[in-house]
């Protein structure tokens, strides 16, 4: 960079720097757009695994408590002498039903 000696050179240098800045901004914007385009399949895949945005800490804590209660009450006590298939299916169904009920009551 050469030394600026007068006002005209200062204005010219400022204009040059502003044009360079605009070009760099446009380049960065284009690169970001390309990266977003490349990541669209990944973000689409992640949206499948994403749970409802409505779920809060309260509903999550309630679901964890319900799951523990179902495990203790059903699997260990009420179904203690049942077949392995019954001990597998009944708690699963109870957990799914309780999670749906908790979602509706928290909303």
Protein backbone atom coordinates (compact mmCIF):
# COMPACT_ATOMS: atom_id res chain seq x y z
CA UNK A 1 0.00 0.00 0.00
CA UNK A 2 1.39 3.36 -0.97
CA UNK A 3 1.38 6.43 1.20
CA UNK A 4 -1.63 8.76 0.85
CA UNK A 5 -0.55 12.37 0.26
CA UNK A 6 -3.75 14.34 -0.42
CA UNK A 7 -7.53 14.27 -0.05
CA UNK A 8 -8.19 12.89 -3.55
CA UNK A 9 -5.97 9.90 -2.88
CA UNK A 10 -7.76 9.36 0.44
CA UNK A 11 -11.18 9.39 -1.24
CA UNK A 12 -9.94 7.06 -3.98
CA UNK A 13 -8.48 4.64 -1.43
CA UNK A 14 -11.70 4.70 0.56
CA UNK A 15 -13.74 3.88 -2.56
CA UNK A 16 -11.34 1.05 -3.42
CA UNK A 17 -11.61 -0.43 0.07
CA UNK A 18 -15.42 -0.16 0.01
CA UNK A 19 -15.59 -1.97 -3.36
CA UNK A 20 -13.29 -4.66 -2.04
CA UNK A 21 -15.45 -5.00 1.07
CA UNK A 22 -18.60 -5.36 -1.04
CA UNK A 23 -16.94 -8.05 -3.17
CA UNK A 24 -15.83 -9.94 -0.08
CA UNK A 25 -19.33 -9.74 1.43
CA UNK A 26 -20.85 -11.07 -1.78
CA UNK A 27 -18.32 -13.92 -1.87
CA UNK A 28 -19.01 -14.86 1.73
CA UNK A 29 -22.77 -14.75 1.17
CA UNK A 30 -22.40 -17.03 -1.85
CA UNK A 31 -20.23 -19.49 0.10
CA UNK A 32 -22.77 -19.60 2.94
CA UNK A 33 -25.56 -20.27 0.45
CA UNK A 34 -23.55 -23.13 -1.10
CA UNK A 35 -22.86 -24.64 2.33
CA UNK A 36 -26.57 -24.45 3.21
CA UNK A 37 -27.45 -26.17 -0.07
CA UNK A 38 -24.95 -28.95 0.64
CA UNK A 39 -26.31 -29.43 4.19
CA UNK A 40 -30.00 -29.61 3.21
CA UNK A 41 -30.07 -33.44 3.14
CA UNK A 42 -28.50 -33.58 6.61
CA UNK A 43 -30.89 -31.04 8.10
CA UNK A 44 -33.80 -32.91 6.56
CA UNK A 45 -32.58 -36.10 8.17
CA UNK A 46 -32.17 -34.40 11.55
CA UNK A 47 -35.70 -33.04 11.40
CA UNK A 48 -36.96 -36.62 11.42
CA UNK A 49 -35.31 -37.23 14.78
CA UNK A 50 -36.30 -33.85 16.20
CA UNK A 51 -39.04 -34.10 18.80
CA UNK A 52 -41.85 -31.61 19.23
CA UNK A 53 -40.69 -28.12 20.01
CA UNK A 54 -43.53 -27.95 22.54
CA UNK A 55 -41.90 -30.40 24.92
CA UNK A 56 -40.56 -28.59 27.89
CA UNK A 57 -38.51 -29.56 30.90
CA UNK A 58 -41.69 -30.09 32.87
CA UNK A 59 -43.17 -32.60 30.43
CA UNK A 60 -39.83 -34.38 30.07
CA UNK A 61 -39.47 -34.72 33.83
CA UNK A 62 -43.03 -35.98 34.09
CA UNK A 63 -42.43 -38.57 31.37
CA UNK A 64 -39.25 -39.81 33.04
CA UNK A 65 -41.11 -40.16 36.32
CA UNK A 66 -43.99 -41.97 34.65
CA UNK A 67 -41.60 -44.36 32.89
CA UNK A 68 -39.84 -45.21 36.15
CA UNK A 69 -43.18 -45.71 37.89
CA UNK A 70 -44.43 -47.96 35.12
CA UNK A 71 -41.25 -50.03 35.25
CA UNK A 72 -41.42 -50.47 39.01
CA UNK A 73 -45.17 -51.00 39.28
CA UNK A 74 -45.92 -53.10 36.22
CA UNK A 75 -42.78 -54.95 35.30
CA UNK A 76 -41.51 -55.77 38.77
CA UNK A 77 -44.69 -56.21 40.83
CA UNK A 78 -47.88 -56.74 38.86
CA UNK A 79 -46.30 -58.67 36.01
CA UNK A 80 -43.61 -60.36 38.08
CA UNK A 81 -44.84 -63.87 37.30
CA UNK A 82 -46.13 -63.20 33.78
CA UNK A 83 -44.50 -64.49 30.61
CA UNK A 84 -41.57 -62.61 29.12
CA UNK A 85 -43.67 -61.43 26.19
CA UNK A 86 -46.30 -59.89 28.47
CA UNK A 87 -43.60 -58.28 30.60
CA UNK A 88 -42.18 -56.74 27.43
CA UNK A 89 -45.33 -55.54 25.67
CA UNK A 90 -47.56 -54.22 28.49
CA UNK A 91 -45.03 -51.72 29.92
CA UNK A 92 -44.21 -50.51 26.39
CA UNK A 93 -47.87 -49.79 25.67
CA UNK A 94 -48.33 -48.16 29.07
CA UNK A 95 -45.33 -45.89 28.50
CA UNK A 96 -46.61 -44.79 25.09
CA UNK A 97 -50.07 -44.06 26.48
CA UNK A 98 -48.69 -42.14 29.45
CA UNK A 99 -46.46 -40.02 27.22
CA UNK A 100 -49.46 -39.08 25.03
CA UNK A 101 -51.53 -38.18 28.10
CA UNK A 102 -48.69 -36.07 29.53
CA UNK A 103 -48.23 -34.25 26.21
CA UNK A 104 -51.91 -33.34 26.09
CA UNK A 105 -52.07 -32.17 29.71
CA UNK A 106 -48.90 -30.04 29.51
CA UNK A 107 -49.98 -28.26 26.30
